[in-house]
C-alpha atoms as a PDB file:
ATOM      1  CA  MET A   1      73.779 -20.134  81.714  1.00  0.00           C
ATOM      2  CA  ARG A   2      74.119 -17.387  79.131  1.00  0.00           C
ATOM      3  CA  THR A   3      70.481 -16.514  79.375  1.00  0.00           C
ATOM      4  CA  SER A   4      70.714 -16.293  83.156  1.00  0.00           C
ATOM      5  CA  ARG A   5      73.682 -13.921  82.891  1.00  0.00           C
ATOM      6  CA  ILE A   6      71.834 -11.684  80.487  1.00  0.00           C
ATOM      7  CA  ARG A   7      68.816 -11.455  82.802  1.00  0.00           C
ATOM      8  CA  THR A   8      71.055 -10.778  85.729  1.00  0.00           C
ATOM      9  CA  ALA A   9      72.824  -8.011  83.850  1.00  0.00           C
ATOM     10  CA  ALA A  10      69.526  -6.510  82.747  1.00  0.00           C
ATOM     11  CA  LEU A  11      68.185  -6.605  86.270  1.00  0.00           C
ATOM     12  CA  ALA A  12      71.305  -4.953  87.548  1.00  0.00           C
ATOM     13  CA  ALA A  13      70.950  -2.259  84.931  1.00  0.00           C
ATOM     14  CA  VAL A  14      67.328  -1.606  85.912  1.00  0.00           C
ATOM     15  CA  THR A  15      68.257  -1.524  89.585  1.00  0.00           C
ATOM     16  CA  ALA A  16      71.024   0.977  88.882  1.00  0.00           C
ATOM     17  CA  ALA A  17      68.656   3.116  86.835  1.00  0.00           C
ATOM     18  CA  LEU A  18      66.125   3.114  89.634  1.00  0.00           C
ATOM     19  CA  ALA A  19      68.817   4.042  92.129  1.00  0.00           C
ATOM     20  CA  LEU A  20      69.938   6.909  89.951  1.00  0.00           C
ATOM     21  CA  GLY A  21      66.335   8.082  89.589  1.00  0.00           C
ATOM     22  CA  LEU A  22      65.737   7.994  93.308  1.00  0.00           C
ATOM     23  CA  THR A  23      68.987   9.800  93.901  1.00  0.00           C
ATOM     24  CA  ALA A  24      67.968  12.443  91.402  1.00  0.00           C
ATOM     25  CA  CYS A  25      64.532  12.840  92.993  1.00  0.00           C
ATOM     26  CA  GLY A  26      66.068  13.057  96.422  1.00  0.00           C
ATOM     27  CA  GLY A  27      68.470  15.668  95.237  1.00  0.00           C
ATOM     28  CA  ALA A  28      65.653  17.630  93.651  1.00  0.00           C
ATOM     29  CA  ASP A  29      63.580  17.451  96.801  1.00  0.00           C
ATOM     30  CA  GLY A  30      66.559  18.527  98.869  1.00  0.00           C
ATOM     31  CA  ASP A  31      67.210  21.413  96.549  1.00  0.00           C
ATOM     32  CA  SER A  32      63.532  22.342  96.648  1.00  0.00           C
ATOM     33  CA  LYS A  33      63.467  22.163 100.430  1.00  0.00           C
ATOM     34  CA  ALA A  34      66.668  24.144 100.643  1.00  0.00           C
ATOM     35  CA  ALA A  35      65.254  26.720  98.266  1.00  0.00           C
ATOM     36  CA  GLY A  36      62.050  26.827 100.272  1.00  0.00           C
ATOM     37  CA  SER A  37      64.060  27.317 103.457  1.00  0.00           C
ATOM     38  CA  ASP A  38      66.004  30.104 101.830  1.00  0.00           C
ATOM     39  CA  ASN A  39      62.814  31.726 100.648  1.00  0.00           C
ATOM     40  CA  THR A  40      61.291  31.471 104.148  1.00  0.00           C
ATOM     41  CA  THR A  41      64.404  32.968 105.694  1.00  0.00           C
ATOM     42  CA  ALA A  42      64.400  35.799 103.154  1.00  0.00           C
ATOM     43  CA  THR A  43      60.708  36.437 103.780  1.00  0.00           C
ATOM     44  CA  ALA A  44      61.237  36.500 107.553  1.00  0.00           C
ATOM     45  CA  GLN A  45      64.188  38.831 107.166  1.00  0.00           C
ATOM     46  CA  SER A  46      62.178  41.077 104.862  1.00  0.00           C
ATOM     47  CA  LYS A  47      59.262  41.096 107.331  1.00  0.00           C
ATOM     48  CA  SER A  48      61.599  41.837 110.227  1.00  0.00           C
ATOM     49  CA  ALA A  49      63.201  44.681 108.297  1.00  0.00           C
ATOM     50  CA  SER A  50      59.751  46.008 107.376  1.00  0.00           C
ATOM     51  CA  ASP A  51      58.651  45.833 111.021  1.00  0.00           C
ATOM     52  CA  ARG A  52      61.792  47.694 112.077  1.00  0.00           C
ATOM     53  CA  ASP A  53      61.138  50.349 109.454  1.00  0.00           C
ATOM     54  CA  ARG A  54      57.565  50.803 110.664  1.00  0.00           C
ATOM     55  CA  LYS A  55      58.721  50.943 114.293  1.00  0.00           C
ATOM     56  CA  ASP A  56      61.434  53.438 113.469  1.00  0.00           C
ATOM     57  CA  GLY A  57      58.916  55.506 111.527  1.00  0.00           C
ATOM     58  CA  ALA A  58      56.473  55.461 114.443  1.00  0.00           C
ATOM     59  CA  GLU A  59      59.204  56.467 116.889  1.00  0.00           C
ATOM     60  CA  GLN A  60      60.287  59.270 114.574  1.00  0.00           C
ATOM     61  CA  ALA A  61      56.684  60.459 114.242  1.00  0.00           C
ATOM     62  CA  ASN A  62      56.262  60.400 118.023  1.00  0.00           C
ATOM     63  CA  SER A  63      59.540  62.256 118.391  1.00  0.00           C
ATOM     64  CA  ASN A  64      58.395  64.892 115.912  1.00  0.00           C
ATOM     65  CA  SER A  65      55.071  65.168 117.745  1.00  0.00           C
ATOM     66  CA  ASP A  66      56.860  65.585 121.071  1.00  0.00           C
ATOM     67  CA  THR A  67      59.124  68.189 119.518  1.00  0.00           C
ATOM     68  CA  LYS A  68      56.125  70.122 118.216  1.00  0.00           C
ATOM     69  CA  THR A  69      54.400  69.850 121.574  1.00  0.00           C
ATOM     70  CA  ASP A  70      57.520  71.078 123.329  1.00  0.00           C
ATOM     71  CA  ALA A  71      57.751  73.920 120.839  1.00  0.00           C
ATOM     72  CA  ARG A  72      54.133  74.890 121.502  1.00  0.00           C
ATOM     73  CA  SER A  73      54.732  74.709 125.248  1.00  0.00           C
ATOM     74  CA  ALA A  74      57.829  76.854 124.951  1.00  0.00           C
ATOM     75  CA  THR A  75      55.925  79.394 122.880  1.00  0.00           C
ATOM     76  CA  THR A  76      53.140  79.525 125.440  1.00  0.00           C
ATOM     77  CA  SER A  77      55.643  79.881 128.251  1.00  0.00           C
ATOM     78  CA  ASP A  78      57.470  82.657 126.447  1.00  0.00           C
ATOM     79  CA  GLY A  79      54.188  84.400 125.710  1.00  0.00           C
ATOM     80  CA  SER A  80      53.129  84.222 129.352  1.00  0.00           C
ATOM     81  CA  ASP A  81      56.516  85.508 130.477  1.00  0.00           C
ATOM     82  CA  GLU A  82      56.237  88.367 128.024  1.00  0.00           C
ATOM     83  CA  VAL A  83      52.804  89.329 129.302  1.00  0.00           C
ATOM     84  CA  ALA A  84      54.049  89.112 132.886  1.00  0.00           C
ATOM     85  CA  SER A  85      57.024  91.281 131.955  1.00  0.00           C
ATOM     86  CA  LYS A  86      54.738  93.879 130.421  1.00  0.00           C
ATOM     87  CA  ASP A  87      52.503  93.904 133.481  1.00  0.00           C
ATOM     88  CA  ALA A  88      55.531  94.317 135.738  1.00  0.00           C
ATOM     89  CA  SER A  89      56.888  97.144 133.594  1.00  0.00           C
ATOM     90  CA  VAL A  90      53.712  99.205 133.948  1.00  0.00           C
ATOM     91  CA  ALA A  91      54.652 101.371 136.947  1.00  0.00           C
ATOM     92  CA  ALA A  92      51.999 103.169 138.994  1.00  0.00           C
ATOM     93  CA  GLN A  93      51.917 106.925 138.560  1.00  0.00           C
ATOM     94  CA  GLN A  94      51.778 109.439 141.377  1.00  0.00           C
ATOM     95  CA  CYS A  95      48.314 110.244 142.704  1.00  0.00           C
ATOM     96  CA  LEU A  96      47.535 113.776 141.565  1.00  0.00           C
ATOM     97  CA  GLY A  97      44.444 114.406 143.646  1.00  0.00           C
ATOM     98  CA  ASP A  98      41.704 114.536 141.052  1.00  0.00           C
ATOM     99  CA  GLU A  99      41.373 110.734 141.192  1.00  0.00           C
ATOM    100  CA  MET A 100      41.220 110.764 144.996  1.00  0.00           C
ATOM    101  CA  LEU A 101      38.293 111.049 147.369  1.00  0.00           C
ATOM    102  CA  VAL A 102      39.617 112.607 150.573  1.00  0.00           C
ATOM    103  CA  THR A 103      37.550 112.951 153.725  1.00  0.00           C
ATOM    104  CA  ALA A 104      38.264 113.944 157.332  1.00  0.00           C
ATOM    105  CA  VAL A 105      36.592 112.971 160.604  1.00  0.00           C
ATOM    106  CA  HIS A 106      37.116 114.719 163.934  1.00  0.00           C
ATOM    107  CA  ARG A 107      37.847 112.015 166.490  1.00  0.00           C
ATOM    108  CA  PHE A 108      38.210 112.175 170.292  1.00  0.00           C
ATOM    109  CA  ALA A 109      37.169 115.804 170.323  1.00  0.00           C
ATOM    110  CA  GLY A 110      38.277 117.542 173.533  1.00  0.00           C
ATOM    111  CA  GLN A 111      40.011 114.365 174.745  1.00  0.00           C
ATOM    112  CA  GLN A 112      43.492 113.004 174.802  1.00  0.00           C
ATOM    113  CA  GLY A 113      44.289 111.880 171.289  1.00  0.00           C
ATOM    114  CA  ASP A 114      42.144 114.589 169.690  1.00  0.00           C
ATOM    115  CA  HIS A 115      42.831 114.411 165.942  1.00  0.00           C
ATOM    116  CA  LEU A 116      41.434 114.619 162.431  1.00  0.00           C
ATOM    117  CA  LEU A 117      41.490 111.276 160.649  1.00  0.00           C
ATOM    118  CA  ILE A 118      42.212 111.810 156.946  1.00  0.00           C
ATOM    119  CA  THR A 119      41.118 109.073 154.552  1.00  0.00           C
ATOM    120  CA  ALA A 120      42.223 109.089 150.909  1.00  0.00           C
ATOM    121  CA  SER A 121      40.650 106.588 148.501  1.00  0.00           C
ATOM    122  CA  ASN A 122      41.740 105.965 144.929  1.00  0.00           C
ATOM    123  CA  GLN A 123      38.588 106.458 142.849  1.00  0.00           C
ATOM    124  CA  GLY A 124      40.417 106.120 139.538  1.00  0.00           C
ATOM    125  CA  THR A 125      40.795 103.112 137.268  1.00  0.00           C
ATOM    126  CA  THR A 126      44.589 102.727 137.517  1.00  0.00           C
ATOM    127  CA  PRO A 127      46.995 102.356 140.456  1.00  0.00           C
ATOM    128  CA  CYS A 128      48.688 105.451 141.845  1.00  0.00           C
ATOM    129  CA  TRP A 129      51.001 106.128 144.769  1.00  0.00           C
ATOM    130  CA  VAL A 130      51.279 108.543 147.689  1.00  0.00           C
ATOM    131  CA  THR A 131      54.325 109.227 149.811  1.00  0.00           C
ATOM    132  CA  SER A 132      55.493 111.197 152.811  1.00  0.00           C
ATOM    133  CA  TYR A 133      52.692 113.111 154.578  1.00  0.00           C
ATOM    134  CA  PRO A 134      50.037 115.408 153.151  1.00  0.00           C
ATOM    135  CA  ALA A 135      50.507 119.159 153.280  1.00  0.00           C
ATOM    136  CA  VAL A 136      47.556 120.182 155.460  1.00  0.00           C
ATOM    137  CA  LYS A 137      46.184 123.683 155.982  1.00  0.00           C
ATOM    138  CA  LEU A 138      43.558 124.203 158.681  1.00  0.00           C
ATOM    139  CA  GLY A 139      40.756 126.750 158.266  1.00  0.00           C
ATOM    140  CA  ASP A 140      41.964 130.005 156.748  1.00  0.00           C
ATOM    141  CA  ASP A 141      45.571 129.412 157.751  1.00  0.00           C
ATOM    142  CA  ASP A 142      47.757 129.474 154.650  1.00  0.00           C
ATOM    143  CA  THR A 143      50.688 127.704 156.318  1.00  0.00           C
ATOM    144  CA  ALA A 144      51.048 123.952 155.929  1.00  0.00           C
ATOM    145  CA  LEU A 145      51.376 122.030 159.180  1.00  0.00           C
ATOM    146  CA  PRO A 146      54.712 120.366 160.047  1.00  0.00           C
ATOM    147  CA  HIS A 147      55.392 116.655 160.151  1.00  0.00           C
ATOM    148  CA  SER A 148      54.965 115.008 163.564  1.00  0.00           C
ATOM    149  CA  LYS A 149      58.282 114.389 165.312  1.00  0.00           C
ATOM    150  CA  LYS A 150      56.749 111.376 167.042  1.00  0.00           C
ATOM    151  CA  ASP A 151      55.752 109.695 163.789  1.00  0.00           C
ATOM    152  CA  ASN A 152      57.079 106.293 162.814  1.00  0.00           C
ATOM    153  CA  PRO A 153      59.902 106.195 160.240  1.00  0.00           C
ATOM    154  CA  GLY A 154      59.290 105.203 156.640  1.00  0.00           C
ATOM    155  CA  GLY A 155      57.625 108.309 155.271  1.00  0.00           C
ATOM    156  CA  ASP A 156      59.868 108.258 152.205  1.00  0.00           C
ATOM    157  CA  GLN A 157      58.328 105.019 150.987  1.00  0.00           C
ATOM    158  CA  ARG A 158      55.674 104.965 148.312  1.00  0.00           C
ATOM    159  CA  ILE A 159      52.280 103.472 149.083  1.00  0.00           C
ATOM    160  CA  THR A 160      50.656 102.191 145.907  1.00  0.00           C
ATOM    161  CA  LEU A 161      46.880 102.394 145.926  1.00  0.00           C
ATOM    162  CA  GLN A 162      45.015 100.055 143.628  1.00  0.00           C
ATOM    163  CA  PRO A 163      41.609 101.315 142.431  1.00  0.00           C
ATOM    164  CA  GLY A 164      39.357 101.411 145.479  1.00  0.00           C
ATOM    165  CA  ALA A 165      42.237 101.152 147.967  1.00  0.00           C
ATOM    166  CA  THR A 166      42.666 103.574 150.859  1.00  0.00           C
ATOM    167  CA  ALA A 167      45.482 105.316 152.707  1.00  0.00           C
ATOM    168  CA  TYR A 168      45.264 107.139 156.031  1.00  0.00           C
ATOM    169  CA  SER A 169      46.892 110.097 157.723  1.00  0.00           C
ATOM    170  CA  ALA A 170      46.003 112.149 160.775  1.00  0.00           C
ATOM    171  CA  VAL A 171      46.274 115.706 162.046  1.00  0.00           C
ATOM    172  CA  ASN A 172      47.172 115.745 165.741  1.00  0.00           C
ATOM    173  CA  LEU A 173      45.387 118.605 167.516  1.00  0.00           C
ATOM    174  CA  PHE A 174      46.828 120.125 170.712  1.00  0.00           C
ATOM    175  CA  ASP A 175      44.343 122.452 172.354  1.00  0.00           C
ATOM    176  CA  TYR A 176      45.603 124.224 175.485  1.00  0.00           C
ATOM    177  CA  GLY A 177      42.303 125.952 176.152  1.00  0.00           C
ATOM    178  CA  SER A 178      43.354 129.534 175.434  1.00  0.00           C
ATOM    179  CA  ASP A 179      44.725 131.518 172.519  1.00  0.00           C
ATOM    180  CA  ASN A 180      43.644 128.699 170.297  1.00  0.00           C
ATOM    181  CA  GLN A 181      42.290 128.683 166.774  1.00  0.00           C
ATOM    182  CA  THR A 182      39.005 127.200 165.651  1.00  0.00           C
ATOM    183  CA  ALA A 183      37.893 125.943 162.250  1.00  0.00           C
ATOM    184  CA  GLN A 184      35.717 123.353 160.588  1.00  0.00           C
ATOM    185  CA  SER A 185      37.426 123.022 157.247  1.00  0.00           C
ATOM    186  CA  LEU A 186      40.814 122.050 155.903  1.00  0.00           C
ATOM    187  CA  ALA A 187      42.670 121.599 152.645  1.00  0.00           C
ATOM    188  CA  ILE A 188      45.414 119.202 151.716  1.00  0.00           C
ATOM    189  CA  ALA A 189      48.007 118.802 148.990  1.00  0.00           C
ATOM    190  CA  LEU A 190      49.824 115.627 148.016  1.00  0.00           C
ATOM    191  CA  ARG A 191      53.616 115.622 147.934  1.00  0.00           C
ATOM    192  CA  ASP A 192      55.820 114.194 145.208  1.00  0.00           C
ATOM    193  CA  ALA A 193      58.899 112.016 145.751  1.00  0.00           C
ATOM    194  CA  ASP A 194      61.020 115.138 146.360  1.00  0.00           C
ATOM    195  CA  GLY A 195      58.633 116.556 148.961  1.00  0.00           C
ATOM    196  CA  HIS A 196      57.240 119.262 146.720  1.00  0.00           C
ATOM    197  CA  GLN A 197      53.564 120.092 147.154  1.00  0.00           C
ATOM    198  CA  ASN A 198      50.964 119.640 144.463  1.00  0.00           C
ATOM    199  CA  PRO A 199      47.977 122.031 144.284  1.00  0.00           C
ATOM    200  CA  SER A 200      45.755 122.042 147.366  1.00  0.00           C
ATOM    201  CA  TYR A 201      42.080 121.108 147.396  1.00  0.00           C
ATOM    202  CA  SER A 202      39.350 121.105 150.021  1.00  0.00           C
ATOM    203  CA  VAL A 203      38.612 118.062 152.142  1.00  0.00           C
ATOM    204  CA  VAL A 204      35.088 116.892 152.923  1.00  0.00           C
ATOM    205  CA  MET A 205      34.422 116.973 156.671  1.00  0.00           C
ATOM    206  CA  LYS A 206      32.316 114.154 158.102  1.00  0.00           C
ATOM    207  CA  GLY A 207      30.974 113.228 161.515  1.00  0.00           C
ATOM    208  CA  GLU A 208      28.888 115.050 164.126  1.00  0.00           C
ATOM    209  CA  LYS A 209      31.618 117.300 165.557  1.00  0.00           C
ATOM    210  CA  GLN A 210      33.122 118.932 162.529  1.00  0.00           C
ATOM    211  CA  GLN A 211      34.457 121.971 164.399  1.00  0.00           C
ATOM    212  CA  PHE A 212      37.911 121.623 165.951  1.00  0.00           C
ATOM    213  CA  SER A 213      40.329 123.792 167.903  1.00  0.00           C
ATOM    214  CA  TRP A 214      44.114 123.801 168.236  1.00  0.00           C
ATOM    215  CA  ASN A 215      47.079 125.708 169.552  1.00  0.00           C
ATOM    216  CA  GLU A 216      49.513 123.413 167.819  1.00  0.00           C
ATOM    217  CA  ALA A 217      49.048 120.697 165.247  1.00  0.00           C
ATOM    218  CA  ASP A 218      51.168 118.324 163.181  1.00  0.00           C
ATOM    219  CA  VAL A 219      50.639 115.599 160.590  1.00  0.00           C
ATOM    220  CA  LEU A 220      51.409 111.874 160.330  1.00  0.00           C
ATOM    221  CA  ASN A 221      52.748 110.040 157.278  1.00  0.00           C
ATOM    222  CA  TRP A 222      50.406 108.178 154.964  1.00  0.00           C
ATOM    223  CA  ASN A 223      49.732 104.650 156.134  1.00  0.00           C
ATOM    224  CA  THR A 224      47.612 101.696 155.069  1.00  0.00           C
ATOM    225  CA  GLU A 225      46.326 101.298 158.634  1.00  0.00           C
ATOM    226  CA  LYS A 226      44.269 103.744 160.610  1.00  0.00           C
ATOM    227  CA  PRO A 227      46.281 105.675 163.201  1.00  0.00           C
ATOM    228  CA  TYR A 228      44.911 105.778 166.771  1.00  0.00           C
ATOM    229  CA  ASP A 229      42.573 102.916 165.925  1.00  0.00           C
ATOM    230  CA  PHE A 230      41.605 102.073 169.484  1.00  0.00           C
END
């Protein structure tokens, strides 16, 4: 009986030792798994934080790029506006006459509407303006003709002529058949904004009937359209 008790006690001791060993192993595995879980969580958190940092960096880079692009666009816009402002500030000067080619054609000779069509073309390289009506002298007469009372209003406006552009005026001729004057030449002078005359110069006569007669005559304002164009 004593021997049996000893064996039983020894077996119980071995069983207890095995149980303690298993418990220890289980605890170690649990701790290892827990540690591994913690490490995985930390790694995931680190990766997530790294991804956020990269995303934030990319967004910041894009934002900086957009800002630079906007800055370049603004600079271009400002530059264009500045150029446009300069172009707008360059005002046309008054036509002086030396840059103009002025011709005259006798139209409807001896008929109703008899007149001299005056054509002035800007032959220069820059814009210039004309206003009012030209001071016209017929033949050897040294007196400038008056403005037509039947003319349309607006003679005080400036007509800007770009290089190659043309303006028109006309000398209305009233021939009553007696006590009239006859000529085949004329001279004109351009007027400034105050109506003062610039120096006169001869006009080139064109057409078949260059001679004209008149008892009375007057002048129309400058216009961009031909008068009596019918």
